[in-house]
Protein backbone atom coordinates (compact mmCIF):
# COMPACT_ATOMS: atom_id res chain seq x y z
CA UNK A 1 -125.83 74.02 132.21
CA UNK A 2 -122.39 74.43 130.29
CA UNK A 3 -119.11 72.77 131.40
CA UNK A 4 -115.93 74.19 129.95
CA UNK A 5 -118.01 77.46 128.78
CA UNK A 6 -114.29 78.61 127.32
CA UNK A 7 -114.56 76.72 124.67
CA UNK A 8 -118.38 77.57 123.73
CA UNK A 9 -117.25 81.09 123.88
CA UNK A 10 -114.00 80.30 121.45
CA UNK A 11 -116.08 78.59 119.06
CA UNK A 12 -119.06 81.69 118.76
CA UNK A 13 -115.77 84.30 118.88
CA UNK A 14 -113.73 82.69 116.22
CA UNK A 15 -114.20 84.20 112.73
CA UNK A 16 -113.43 80.66 110.77
CA UNK A 17 -116.14 79.16 112.43
CA UNK A 18 -119.58 78.13 110.58
CA UNK A 19 -122.17 81.20 110.44
CA UNK A 20 -124.48 78.59 112.39
CA UNK A 21 -121.78 79.34 115.12
CA UNK A 22 -121.21 83.06 114.77
CA UNK A 23 -125.03 83.63 114.94
CA UNK A 24 -124.94 82.09 118.48
CA UNK A 25 -123.31 85.08 119.88
CA UNK A 26 -125.88 87.61 118.11
CA UNK A 27 -128.71 85.22 119.85
CA UNK A 28 -127.45 85.48 122.82
CA UNK A 29 -127.22 89.40 122.79
CA UNK A 30 -130.69 89.42 121.49
CA UNK A 31 -132.52 87.21 123.65
CA UNK A 32 -131.45 89.01 126.61
CA UNK A 33 -133.71 91.72 126.45
CA UNK A 34 -136.56 89.70 124.19
CA UNK A 35 -138.78 88.53 127.31
CA UNK A 36 -141.35 90.33 126.17
CA UNK A 37 -141.38 89.98 122.27
CA UNK A 38 -140.67 87.78 119.43
CA UNK A 39 -137.28 85.97 118.74
CA UNK A 40 -137.02 84.95 115.42
CA UNK A 41 -134.38 84.70 112.49
CA UNK A 42 -135.31 85.01 108.73
CA UNK A 43 -134.25 82.76 106.56
CA UNK A 44 -133.10 80.02 108.97
CA UNK A 45 -135.21 77.68 110.17
CA UNK A 46 -134.01 77.50 113.94
CA UNK A 47 -137.11 75.78 115.86
CA UNK A 48 -139.38 73.04 114.84
CA UNK A 49 -142.11 75.36 114.53
CA UNK A 50 -142.28 78.20 111.95
CA UNK A 51 -139.10 79.72 113.31
CA UNK A 52 -140.47 82.21 116.02
CA UNK A 53 -140.03 81.94 119.77
CA UNK A 54 -142.37 84.01 122.01
CA UNK A 55 -141.03 85.21 125.17
CA UNK A 56 -137.75 83.77 125.22
CA UNK A 57 -136.15 83.15 128.70
CA UNK A 58 -132.53 81.61 127.82
CA UNK A 59 -130.45 80.89 131.17
CA UNK A 60 -127.14 79.65 130.84
CA UNK A 61 -124.90 78.51 133.92
CA UNK A 62 -121.45 78.14 132.44
CA UNK A 63 -118.40 77.13 134.43
CA UNK A 64 -114.89 77.06 133.18
CA UNK A 65 -111.33 77.72 134.26
CA UNK A 66 -110.58 81.78 134.58
CA UNK A 67 -107.29 80.98 131.82
CA UNK A 68 -109.74 78.88 129.41
CA UNK A 69 -112.31 81.59 129.38
CA UNK A 70 -110.70 84.72 129.44
CA UNK A 71 -108.39 83.38 126.61
CA UNK A 72 -111.62 82.84 124.30
CA UNK A 73 -113.06 86.61 124.87
CA UNK A 74 -111.80 89.52 123.64
CA UNK A 75 -112.20 93.06 123.87
CA UNK A 76 -115.19 93.40 121.13
CA UNK A 77 -117.35 91.17 123.88
CA UNK A 78 -117.20 94.13 125.89
CA UNK A 79 -117.99 96.87 123.49
CA UNK A 80 -120.90 94.87 121.67
CA UNK A 81 -122.52 94.20 125.21
CA UNK A 82 -121.99 90.23 125.37
CA UNK A 83 -119.84 90.31 128.45
CA UNK A 84 -121.66 92.82 130.16
CA UNK A 85 -124.87 90.49 129.95
CA UNK A 86 -123.09 87.69 132.04
CA UNK A 87 -122.71 87.64 135.96
CA UNK A 88 -119.36 86.80 137.20
CA UNK A 89 -118.44 85.17 140.35
CA UNK A 90 -114.62 83.90 140.87
CA UNK A 91 -114.12 80.85 142.87
CA UNK A 92 -111.65 81.67 145.27
CA UNK A 93 -110.32 80.48 148.55
CA UNK A 94 -108.63 77.00 149.76
CA UNK A 95 -110.05 73.91 148.20
CA UNK A 96 -112.88 72.30 150.84
CA UNK A 97 -112.11 68.89 152.03
CA UNK A 98 -113.67 65.73 150.58
CA UNK A 99 -116.64 64.06 152.44
CA UNK A 100 -118.65 61.13 152.46
CA UNK A 101 -122.01 61.44 150.92
CA UNK A 102 -124.75 60.25 153.73
CA UNK A 103 -127.62 59.69 150.94
CA UNK A 104 -127.34 58.96 146.87
CA UNK A 105 -127.72 61.66 144.75
CA UNK A 106 -131.29 59.76 143.47
CA UNK A 107 -132.46 60.54 147.09
CA UNK A 108 -134.13 63.75 146.54
CA UNK A 109 -136.42 64.85 149.47
CA UNK A 110 -140.02 64.76 148.26
CA UNK A 111 -140.41 68.52 149.72
CA UNK A 112 -138.11 69.38 147.43
CA UNK A 113 -139.73 67.63 144.33
CA UNK A 114 -143.12 69.02 145.50
CA UNK A 115 -141.78 72.45 145.44
CA UNK A 116 -139.98 72.64 142.15
CA UNK A 117 -142.98 71.10 140.81
CA UNK A 118 -145.24 73.72 142.06
CA UNK A 119 -143.07 76.74 141.15
CA UNK A 120 -142.82 75.09 137.37
CA UNK A 121 -146.84 75.06 137.32
CA UNK A 122 -147.05 78.36 138.65
CA UNK A 123 -149.73 79.96 136.43
CA UNK A 124 -150.11 76.71 133.91
CA UNK A 125 -153.16 74.97 135.18
CA UNK A 126 -153.28 71.14 136.83
CA UNK A 127 -151.16 68.14 135.04
CA UNK A 128 -147.39 67.89 134.71
CA UNK A 129 -146.66 70.96 133.20
CA UNK A 130 -149.44 70.96 130.80
CA UNK A 131 -149.35 74.26 129.44
CA UNK A 132 -145.82 74.23 128.80
CA UNK A 133 -146.11 75.37 125.42
CA UNK A 134 -142.42 75.53 124.44
CA UNK A 135 -142.81 79.37 123.27
CA UNK A 136 -145.32 78.43 120.26
CA UNK A 137 -147.42 81.48 121.67
CA UNK A 138 -147.26 84.39 123.97
CA UNK A 139 -147.84 84.63 127.28
CA UNK A 140 -149.49 86.60 129.73
CA UNK A 141 -146.75 87.77 132.28
CA UNK A 142 -147.40 88.11 136.08
CA UNK A 143 -146.38 91.44 137.28
CA UNK A 144 -144.28 90.95 140.55
CA UNK A 145 -144.58 94.57 142.44
CA UNK A 146 -142.25 96.27 144.67
CA UNK A 147 -142.45 96.97 148.33
CA UNK A 148 -142.03 100.65 148.85
CA UNK A 149 -138.66 100.00 150.82
CA UNK A 150 -137.38 97.80 147.75
CA UNK A 151 -138.24 100.78 145.53
CA UNK A 152 -136.38 102.72 148.12
CA UNK A 153 -133.45 100.54 147.75
CA UNK A 154 -133.53 100.50 143.97
CA UNK A 155 -133.65 103.82 143.64
CA UNK A 156 -130.65 104.38 145.91
CA UNK A 157 -128.64 101.57 143.91
CA UNK A 158 -129.69 103.29 140.65
CA UNK A 159 -128.07 106.62 142.31
CA UNK A 160 -124.87 104.77 143.36
CA UNK A 161 -124.18 103.40 139.72
CA UNK A 162 -124.84 106.66 138.00
CA UNK A 163 -122.16 108.37 140.29
CA UNK A 164 -119.85 105.71 139.37
CA UNK A 165 -120.20 106.16 135.89
CA UNK A 166 -118.73 109.97 136.06
CA UNK A 167 -115.57 108.31 137.10
CA UNK A 168 -115.30 105.13 134.92
CA UNK A 169 -113.56 104.65 131.88
CA UNK A 170 -115.33 104.28 128.64
CA UNK A 171 -114.07 100.45 128.24
CA UNK A 172 -115.91 99.55 131.37
CA UNK A 173 -118.94 101.65 130.75
CA UNK A 174 -121.06 98.64 129.13
CA UNK A 175 -120.71 96.69 132.08
CA UNK A 176 -121.57 99.17 134.69
CA UNK A 177 -124.36 100.21 132.44
CA UNK A 178 -125.84 96.76 133.30
CA UNK A 179 -125.83 96.54 136.94
CA UNK A 180 -129.11 97.85 137.66
CA UNK A 181 -130.84 95.60 135.36
CA UNK A 182 -128.80 92.53 136.71
CA UNK A 183 -130.46 93.39 140.08
CA UNK A 184 -133.77 93.97 139.25
CA UNK A 185 -133.53 90.39 137.64
CA UNK A 186 -131.82 88.67 140.70
CA UNK A 187 -134.29 90.17 142.88
CA UNK A 188 -137.17 89.08 140.86
CA UNK A 189 -135.80 85.56 140.46
CA UNK A 190 -135.35 85.45 144.09
CA UNK A 191 -138.63 86.73 144.98
CA UNK A 192 -140.37 84.36 142.59
CA UNK A 193 -138.48 81.54 144.08
CA UNK A 194 -139.65 82.46 147.71
CA UNK A 195 -143.31 82.94 147.03
CA UNK A 196 -144.42 81.96 143.37
CA UNK A 197 -148.40 82.60 144.35
CA UNK A 198 -148.07 85.86 145.61
CA UNK A 199 -144.53 87.50 144.81
CA UNK A 200 -143.68 90.72 146.22
CA UNK A 201 -139.97 92.05 145.96
CA UNK A 202 -139.32 93.18 149.46
CA UNK A 203 -136.55 95.71 150.44
CA UNK A 204 -134.41 92.32 151.94
CA UNK A 205 -134.41 90.62 148.44
CA UNK A 206 -133.69 94.28 146.31
CA UNK A 207 -130.67 94.96 148.61
CA UNK A 208 -129.45 91.54 148.43
CA UNK A 209 -129.65 91.95 144.78
CA UNK A 210 -128.17 95.04 144.54
CA UNK A 211 -125.04 93.58 146.39
CA UNK A 212 -124.70 90.77 144.31
CA UNK A 213 -125.13 92.69 140.74
CA UNK A 214 -122.25 94.88 142.19
CA UNK A 215 -120.11 92.25 143.17
CA UNK A 216 -120.58 90.75 139.59
CA UNK A 217 -119.66 94.26 138.27
CA UNK A 218 -116.70 95.03 140.18
CA UNK A 219 -115.21 91.72 139.10
CA UNK A 220 -116.16 91.69 135.41
CA UNK A 221 -114.68 95.36 135.04
CA UNK A 222 -111.41 94.06 137.05
CA UNK A 223 -110.91 90.94 135.13
CA UNK A 224 -111.67 92.49 131.66
CA UNK A 225 -109.21 95.43 132.47
CA UNK A 226 -106.55 92.61 133.74
CA UNK A 227 -107.05 89.51 131.56
CA UNK A 228 -108.49 90.36 127.99
CA UNK A 229 -105.68 90.82 125.31
CA UNK A 230 -106.17 91.61 121.59
CA UNK A 231 -102.53 90.89 120.60
CA UNK A 232 -99.57 88.89 121.78
CA UNK A 233 -97.74 92.07 123.57
CA UNK A 234 -100.78 92.67 125.10
CA UNK A 235 -101.32 88.96 126.40
CA UNK A 236 -97.78 89.24 127.55
CA UNK A 237 -98.13 92.67 129.05
CA UNK A 238 -101.14 91.28 131.56
CA UNK A 239 -99.56 87.94 132.30
CA UNK A 240 -96.58 89.79 133.84
CA UNK A 241 -99.13 92.26 135.79
CA UNK A 242 -101.38 88.96 136.92
CA UNK A 243 -98.15 87.49 138.54
CA UNK A 244 -97.32 90.69 140.11
CA UNK A 245 -100.85 91.18 141.62
CA UNK A 246 -101.08 87.69 143.00
CA UNK A 247 -97.70 88.48 144.84
CA UNK A 248 -99.81 91.16 146.43
CA UNK A 249 -97.92 93.11 149.23
CA UNK A 250 -95.22 90.76 149.18
CA UNK A 251 -93.82 91.31 145.97
CA UNK A 252 -92.13 89.41 143.10
CA UNK A 253 -88.66 89.76 141.98
CA UNK A 254 -87.27 90.02 139.12
CA UNK A 255 -85.77 86.70 138.90
CA UNK A 256 -89.32 85.23 139.70
CA UNK A 257 -90.86 87.14 136.61
CA UNK A 258 -88.36 85.78 134.22
CA UNK A 259 -88.67 82.18 135.67
CA UNK A 260 -92.72 82.29 135.49
CA UNK A 261 -92.28 83.99 132.18
CA UNK A 262 -89.81 82.39 130.24
CA UNK A 263 -91.80 82.38 127.09
CA UNK A 264 -91.43 86.09 126.99
CA UNK A 265 -87.89 87.21 125.90
CA UNK A 266 -85.63 89.53 128.21
CA UNK A 267 -85.84 92.75 126.18
CA UNK A 268 -89.67 92.57 126.07
CA UNK A 269 -90.22 91.69 129.44
CA UNK A 270 -88.05 94.93 130.67
CA UNK A 271 -90.32 96.82 128.28
CA UNK A 272 -93.08 95.82 129.62
CA UNK A 273 -92.33 96.00 133.31
CA UNK A 274 -91.02 99.50 132.51
CA UNK A 275 -94.53 100.26 130.67
CA UNK A 276 -96.43 99.03 133.78
CA UNK A 277 -94.73 101.55 135.88
CA UNK A 278 -95.06 104.22 133.66
CA UNK A 279 -98.93 103.43 133.62
CA UNK A 280 -98.98 103.49 137.26
CA UNK A 281 -100.22 100.19 137.85
CA UNK A 282 -97.16 98.64 139.34
CA UNK A 283 -94.16 100.11 141.57
CA UNK A 284 -90.54 98.96 141.82
CA UNK A 285 -88.75 99.17 144.74
CA UNK A 286 -85.01 98.37 145.45
CA UNK A 287 -83.79 96.51 148.08
CA UNK A 288 -79.91 97.01 148.58
CA UNK A 289 -77.71 93.46 149.27
CA UNK A 290 -73.82 92.84 149.76
CA UNK A 291 -73.75 92.48 145.98
CA UNK A 292 -75.91 93.37 143.51
CA UNK A 293 -79.48 95.31 144.58
CA UNK A 294 -82.24 93.26 144.19
CA UNK A 295 -85.78 94.52 142.83
CA UNK A 296 -89.22 93.79 143.94
CA UNK A 297 -92.55 94.80 141.92
CA UNK A 298 -95.73 95.51 143.76
CA UNK A 299 -98.88 96.13 142.53
CA UNK A 300 -101.07 99.86 142.66
């Protein structure tokens, strides 16, 4: 669990960082698809056991503010496959009201403790995680089958994604290409968590996983298009576009944009707005008044 995840991303993307930080990015890329193999890095004693890790299963739960996270990544993270490996979920809506906790955080129900212990020990024999070898030796995984209806759901989702690939831009293709893989992993995770003794990927689990993976995929594509900038001009353009999109169907006036983007000089601001209109990403509507006409901008 990594709080302020944007800080970690900034560190591993900074070219001025040490080699140990830069290698984290390549490690994340490699580990994602190395569950059946051995992870090792020659020349570096990365682990306490001869530098080899069998069947790596790295899971990161990172939280960050949108501004900090998107300010720490670049378009390279999309093309090199790092961002497409993430599941992305925006937390939106009103902030929930505070409630008074009825129990302490230490008062964990015994049923939950026993369930977690049983899941951790599944296939490892008796004792308190007695056979948890920390990757020192290869393990034989349990193969979780698909129910017939689940296989049908997966095939339907694969066909759906392939159809979307024909209409997507090249910059978003790496994200779309991971959608099916995410769905399979999500379905596997929830199925094993539900029944670790005789797990089976059901149609319900597969349908849920496909919907969740697609939500993440759509969010990632939209956010990378609207937020990632590799230079100051592109950053200013996407900053203006962000304010216009946030205004939605109510639109936003030219004066409000100038007020919220005070760091962008007038000449560049007008040029960027014209570029957004020319690209078909926003539309300008003029409202007649008793004096100077008022301009409002709306997202398309």
